[in-house]
């Protein structure tokens, strides 16, 4: 995912979370009418369904944000890892010299 796509996804998800949270607050502040019991029961049932729906959408939005932050972290980490050069030539003489010096140090220390 490119940087632009990650930013767009972040903006969309944060906007969705804001809208759903505002709708939840709006549902919580609904005025109830005590005159009609059937109307009140219908409103409560409808309100509960709407609250459950908004809550599920909020949870999905937060899950999207978690995935998005994971993608950003992975992308950042992958850009921090230096590329390995595959064209490196091995100097066998240098390796032999280093090996001999290590063996000599080990033998002299014992």
N, C-alpha and C. Protein backbone atom coordinates (compact mmCIF):
# COMPACT_ATOMS: atom_id res chain seq x y z
N UNK A 1 0.84 -1.17 0.00
CA UNK A 1 0.00 0.00 0.00
C UNK A 1 0.89 1.24 0.00
N UNK A 2 0.58 2.19 -0.84
CA UNK A 2 1.39 3.40 -0.92
C UNK A 2 1.04 4.34 0.24
N UNK A 3 1.90 5.33 0.43
CA UNK A 3 1.67 6.31 1.49
C UNK A 3 0.35 7.05 1.30
N UNK A 4 0.05 7.40 0.05
CA UNK A 4 -1.19 8.12 -0.24
C UNK A 4 -2.41 7.25 0.08
N UNK A 5 -2.35 5.98 -0.27
CA UNK A 5 -3.46 5.07 0.01
C UNK A 5 -3.64 4.89 1.51
N UNK A 6 -2.54 4.80 2.26
CA UNK A 6 -2.63 4.69 3.71
C UNK A 6 -3.25 5.93 4.33
N UNK A 7 -2.87 7.10 3.84
CA UNK A 7 -3.44 8.35 4.36
C UNK A 7 -4.94 8.45 4.04
N UNK A 8 -5.32 8.06 2.83
CA UNK A 8 -6.73 8.11 2.46
C UNK A 8 -7.55 7.15 3.32
N UNK A 9 -7.02 5.96 3.54
CA UNK A 9 -7.71 4.98 4.39
C UNK A 9 -7.83 5.50 5.81
N UNK A 10 -6.78 6.13 6.31
CA UNK A 10 -6.81 6.71 7.66
C UNK A 10 -7.87 7.79 7.76
N UNK A 11 -7.94 8.68 6.78
CA UNK A 11 -8.94 9.74 6.78
C UNK A 11 -10.36 9.18 6.70
N UNK A 12 -10.57 8.18 5.84
CA UNK A 12 -11.90 7.58 5.71
C UNK A 12 -12.34 6.90 7.00
N UNK A 13 -11.42 6.18 7.60
CA UNK A 13 -11.77 5.45 8.83
C UNK A 13 -12.03 6.39 9.98
N UNK A 14 -11.21 7.43 10.12
CA UNK A 14 -11.44 8.37 11.22
C UNK A 14 -12.73 9.16 11.01
N UNK A 15 -13.06 9.47 9.76
CA UNK A 15 -14.33 10.16 9.48
C UNK A 15 -15.51 9.25 9.80
N UNK A 16 -15.41 7.98 9.42
CA UNK A 16 -16.48 7.02 9.72
C UNK A 16 -16.68 6.88 11.23
N UNK A 17 -15.57 6.81 11.97
CA UNK A 17 -15.68 6.71 13.43
C UNK A 17 -16.36 7.94 14.02
N UNK A 18 -16.01 9.11 13.51
CA UNK A 18 -16.63 10.35 14.01
C UNK A 18 -18.13 10.37 13.75
N UNK A 19 -18.52 9.97 12.55
CA UNK A 19 -19.95 9.98 12.19
C UNK A 19 -20.72 8.99 13.05
N UNK A 20 -20.18 7.78 13.21
CA UNK A 20 -20.88 6.76 13.98
C UNK A 20 -20.97 7.13 15.46
N UNK A 21 -19.92 7.74 15.98
CA UNK A 21 -19.96 8.17 17.37
C UNK A 21 -20.98 9.29 17.56
N UNK A 22 -21.07 10.20 16.61
CA UNK A 22 -22.07 11.28 16.68
C UNK A 22 -23.48 10.71 16.62
N UNK A 23 -23.67 9.68 15.79
CA UNK A 23 -25.00 9.06 15.70
C UNK A 23 -25.36 8.35 17.00
N UNK A 24 -24.37 7.74 17.64
CA UNK A 24 -24.63 7.10 18.93
C UNK A 24 -25.03 8.14 19.98
N UNK A 25 -24.35 9.27 20.00
CA UNK A 25 -24.70 10.33 20.95
C UNK A 25 -26.09 10.85 20.66
N UNK A 26 -26.43 11.00 19.38
CA UNK A 26 -27.77 11.47 19.00
C UNK A 26 -28.84 10.48 19.46
N UNK A 27 -28.57 9.18 19.29
CA UNK A 27 -29.53 8.17 19.74
C UNK A 27 -29.68 8.18 21.26
N UNK A 28 -28.61 8.43 21.96
CA UNK A 28 -28.66 8.42 23.41
C UNK A 28 -29.45 9.60 23.97
N UNK A 29 -29.54 10.67 23.20
CA UNK A 29 -30.22 11.87 23.70
C UNK A 29 -31.64 12.01 23.15
N UNK A 30 -32.22 10.94 22.64
CA UNK A 30 -33.59 11.01 22.12
C UNK A 30 -34.57 11.27 23.25
N UNK A 31 -35.54 12.13 22.98
CA UNK A 31 -36.58 12.46 23.96
C UNK A 31 -37.67 11.40 23.87
N UNK A 32 -38.07 10.89 25.04
CA UNK A 32 -39.11 9.86 25.01
C UNK A 32 -40.47 10.48 25.34
N UNK A 33 -41.50 9.88 24.76
CA UNK A 33 -42.88 10.34 24.92
C UNK A 33 -43.59 9.35 25.84
N UNK A 34 -43.99 9.80 27.01
CA UNK A 34 -44.61 8.91 28.00
C UNK A 34 -46.11 8.69 27.75
N UNK A 35 -46.70 9.36 26.77
CA UNK A 35 -48.14 9.25 26.54
C UNK A 35 -48.54 7.91 25.92
N UNK A 36 -47.73 7.41 25.01
CA UNK A 36 -48.10 6.20 24.28
C UNK A 36 -47.09 5.10 24.60
N UNK A 37 -47.57 4.04 25.28
CA UNK A 37 -46.68 2.95 25.71
C UNK A 37 -46.20 2.13 24.51
N UNK A 38 -47.08 1.85 23.56
CA UNK A 38 -46.69 1.06 22.39
C UNK A 38 -45.64 1.82 21.57
N UNK A 39 -45.85 3.12 21.42
CA UNK A 39 -44.89 3.94 20.68
C UNK A 39 -43.55 3.93 21.39
N UNK A 40 -43.58 4.01 22.72
CA UNK A 40 -42.35 4.02 23.51
C UNK A 40 -41.61 2.69 23.36
N UNK A 41 -42.34 1.57 23.39
CA UNK A 41 -41.71 0.26 23.23
C UNK A 41 -41.09 0.12 21.83
N UNK A 42 -41.79 0.61 20.84
CA UNK A 42 -41.26 0.55 19.47
C UNK A 42 -40.00 1.39 19.34
N UNK A 43 -40.02 2.56 19.97
CA UNK A 43 -38.85 3.45 19.91
C UNK A 43 -37.66 2.82 20.64
N UNK A 44 -37.93 2.19 21.78
CA UNK A 44 -36.85 1.56 22.53
C UNK A 44 -36.24 0.42 21.72
N UNK A 45 -37.10 -0.41 21.13
CA UNK A 45 -36.61 -1.52 20.33
C UNK A 45 -35.83 -1.02 19.13
N UNK A 46 -36.38 -0.05 18.44
CA UNK A 46 -35.71 0.53 17.28
C UNK A 46 -34.39 1.19 17.71
N UNK A 47 -34.42 1.89 18.82
CA UNK A 47 -33.21 2.55 19.32
C UNK A 47 -32.12 1.56 19.67
N UNK A 48 -32.51 0.45 20.31
CA UNK A 48 -31.52 -0.57 20.66
C UNK A 48 -30.88 -1.19 19.42
N UNK A 49 -31.71 -1.45 18.40
CA UNK A 49 -31.16 -2.00 17.16
C UNK A 49 -30.19 -1.02 16.51
N UNK A 50 -30.55 0.26 16.53
CA UNK A 50 -29.69 1.26 15.93
C UNK A 50 -28.39 1.42 16.73
N UNK A 51 -28.48 1.39 18.05
CA UNK A 51 -27.29 1.48 18.89
C UNK A 51 -26.37 0.29 18.64
N UNK A 52 -26.94 -0.91 18.56
CA UNK A 52 -26.13 -2.10 18.28
C UNK A 52 -25.44 -1.98 16.91
N UNK A 53 -26.18 -1.51 15.92
CA UNK A 53 -25.61 -1.34 14.58
C UNK A 53 -24.46 -0.33 14.60
N UNK A 54 -24.68 0.81 15.24
CA UNK A 54 -23.64 1.85 15.30
C UNK A 54 -22.42 1.34 16.06
N UNK A 55 -22.66 0.60 17.12
CA UNK A 55 -21.55 0.06 17.91
C UNK A 55 -20.73 -0.92 17.10
N UNK A 56 -21.40 -1.80 16.34
CA UNK A 56 -20.68 -2.74 15.48
C UNK A 56 -19.85 -2.01 14.43
N UNK A 57 -20.39 -0.94 13.88
CA UNK A 57 -19.64 -0.17 12.90
C UNK A 57 -18.45 0.53 13.53
N UNK A 58 -18.61 1.00 14.77
CA UNK A 58 -17.48 1.59 15.48
C UNK A 58 -16.38 0.55 15.72
N UNK A 59 -16.78 -0.64 16.11
CA UNK A 59 -15.81 -1.72 16.35
C UNK A 59 -15.07 -2.05 15.06
N UNK A 60 -15.79 -2.13 13.94
CA UNK A 60 -15.13 -2.41 12.66
C UNK A 60 -14.17 -1.28 12.29
N UNK A 61 -14.55 -0.06 12.57
CA UNK A 61 -13.67 1.08 12.29
C UNK A 61 -12.39 1.02 13.10
N UNK A 62 -12.52 0.68 14.37
CA UNK A 62 -11.33 0.56 15.23
C UNK A 62 -10.46 -0.60 14.74
N UNK A 63 -11.07 -1.70 14.33
CA UNK A 63 -10.29 -2.82 13.79
C UNK A 63 -9.55 -2.39 12.52
N UNK A 64 -10.21 -1.60 11.68
CA UNK A 64 -9.54 -1.08 10.48
C UNK A 64 -8.34 -0.21 10.86
N UNK A 65 -8.51 0.61 11.90
CA UNK A 65 -7.40 1.46 12.34
C UNK A 65 -6.24 0.61 12.86
N UNK A 66 -6.54 -0.47 13.55
CA UNK A 66 -5.48 -1.36 14.05
C UNK A 66 -4.72 -1.97 12.87
N UNK A 67 -5.45 -2.45 11.85
CA UNK A 67 -4.80 -3.00 10.67
C UNK A 67 -3.98 -1.94 9.94
N UNK A 68 -4.52 -0.74 9.89
CA UNK A 68 -3.82 0.35 9.21
C UNK A 68 -2.52 0.70 9.93
N UNK A 69 -2.57 0.78 11.25
CA UNK A 69 -1.34 1.10 11.99
C UNK A 69 -0.32 -0.03 11.85
N UNK A 70 -0.81 -1.26 11.77
CA UNK A 70 0.11 -2.38 11.56
C UNK A 70 0.79 -2.26 10.20
N UNK A 71 0.02 -1.92 9.18
CA UNK A 71 0.59 -1.74 7.84
C UNK A 71 1.62 -0.62 7.82
N UNK A 72 1.31 0.46 8.52
CA UNK A 72 2.25 1.59 8.57
C UNK A 72 3.54 1.17 9.27
N UNK A 73 3.40 0.45 10.40
CA UNK A 73 4.60 0.00 11.12
C UNK A 73 5.44 -0.95 10.27
N UNK A 74 4.77 -1.89 9.58
CA UNK A 74 5.50 -2.82 8.73
C UNK A 74 6.23 -2.09 7.62
N UNK A 75 5.55 -1.13 7.01
CA UNK A 75 6.17 -0.37 5.93
C UNK A 75 7.37 0.42 6.46
N UNK A 76 7.22 1.01 7.63
CA UNK A 76 8.32 1.78 8.22
C UNK A 76 9.50 0.86 8.52
N UNK A 77 9.22 -0.31 9.10
CA UNK A 77 10.30 -1.24 9.43
C UNK A 77 11.01 -1.73 8.18
N UNK A 78 10.25 -2.03 7.14
CA UNK A 78 10.87 -2.52 5.92
C UNK A 78 11.73 -1.47 5.24
N UNK A 79 11.40 -0.21 5.41
CA UNK A 79 12.25 0.84 4.82
C UNK A 79 13.50 1.06 5.66
N UNK A 80 13.50 0.60 6.91
CA UNK A 80 14.66 0.76 7.77
C UNK A 80 15.71 -0.32 7.54
N UNK A 81 15.32 -1.44 6.95
CA UNK A 81 16.24 -2.55 6.72
C UNK A 81 17.05 -2.24 5.46
N UNK A 82 18.37 -2.21 5.58
CA UNK A 82 19.18 -1.93 4.39
C UNK A 82 19.15 -3.10 3.43
N UNK A 83 19.24 -2.78 2.16
CA UNK A 83 19.25 -3.83 1.15
C UNK A 83 20.60 -4.53 1.17
N UNK A 84 20.56 -5.83 1.05
CA UNK A 84 21.80 -6.61 1.03
C UNK A 84 22.36 -6.63 -0.38
N UNK A 85 23.65 -6.49 -0.44
CA UNK A 85 24.30 -6.54 -1.74
C UNK A 85 24.61 -7.99 -2.07
N UNK A 86 24.11 -8.43 -3.19
CA UNK A 86 24.33 -9.81 -3.59
C UNK A 86 25.58 -9.96 -4.44
N UNK A 87 26.12 -8.85 -4.87
CA UNK A 87 27.29 -8.90 -5.74
C UNK A 87 28.60 -8.83 -4.96
N UNK A 88 28.56 -9.04 -3.66
CA UNK A 88 29.78 -8.96 -2.86
C UNK A 88 30.70 -10.13 -3.20
N UNK A 89 31.93 -9.79 -3.40
CA UNK A 89 32.93 -10.83 -3.66
C UNK A 89 33.56 -11.24 -2.34
N UNK A 90 33.78 -12.52 -2.18
CA UNK A 90 34.38 -13.04 -0.96
C UNK A 90 35.90 -13.11 -1.19
N UNK A 91 36.62 -12.48 -0.29
CA UNK A 91 38.08 -12.52 -0.35
C UNK A 91 38.54 -13.71 0.48
N UNK A 92 38.83 -14.81 -0.21
CA UNK A 92 39.18 -16.05 0.47
C UNK A 92 40.49 -15.93 1.24
N UNK A 93 41.42 -15.17 0.73
CA UNK A 93 42.70 -14.99 1.42
C UNK A 93 42.49 -14.26 2.75
N UNK A 94 41.64 -13.25 2.72
CA UNK A 94 41.35 -12.50 3.95
C UNK A 94 40.64 -13.38 4.97
N UNK A 95 39.69 -14.18 4.50
CA UNK A 95 38.98 -15.09 5.41
C UNK A 95 39.93 -16.12 6.02
N UNK A 96 40.84 -16.64 5.21
CA UNK A 96 41.82 -17.61 5.72
C UNK A 96 42.71 -16.97 6.76
N UNK A 97 43.16 -15.77 6.51
CA UNK A 97 44.01 -15.05 7.46
C UNK A 97 43.27 -14.79 8.77
N UNK A 98 42.02 -14.37 8.69
CA UNK A 98 41.23 -14.12 9.90
C UNK A 98 41.00 -15.41 10.69
N UNK A 99 40.72 -16.48 9.99
CA UNK A 99 40.51 -17.76 10.65
C UNK A 99 41.77 -18.24 11.36
N UNK A 100 42.90 -18.11 10.69
CA UNK A 100 44.17 -18.52 11.31
C UNK A 100 44.49 -17.67 12.54
N UNK A 101 44.23 -16.38 12.46
CA UNK A 101 44.51 -15.53 13.62
C UNK A 101 43.58 -15.87 14.79
N UNK A 102 42.33 -16.21 14.51
CA UNK A 102 41.40 -16.60 15.58
C UNK A 102 41.84 -17.92 16.22
N UNK A 103 42.25 -18.86 15.39
CA UNK A 103 42.70 -20.15 15.91
C UNK A 103 43.95 -19.96 16.76
N UNK A 104 44.86 -19.13 16.30
CA UNK A 104 46.08 -18.86 17.07
C UNK A 104 45.76 -18.22 18.42
N UNK A 105 44.81 -17.30 18.45
CA UNK A 105 44.43 -16.66 19.71
C UNK A 105 43.81 -17.67 20.67
N UNK A 106 43.00 -18.55 20.14
CA UNK A 106 42.37 -19.57 20.98
C UNK A 106 43.41 -20.53 21.55
N UNK A 107 44.35 -20.93 20.71
CA UNK A 107 45.39 -21.87 21.16
C UNK A 107 46.31 -21.23 22.18
N UNK A 108 46.67 -19.98 21.98
CA UNK A 108 47.58 -19.31 22.92
C UNK A 108 46.90 -18.99 24.23
N UNK A 109 45.60 -18.81 24.25
CA UNK A 109 44.89 -18.51 25.50
C UNK A 109 44.69 -19.74 26.36
N UNK A 110 44.78 -20.91 25.80
CA UNK A 110 44.56 -22.13 26.59
C UNK A 110 45.80 -22.56 27.25
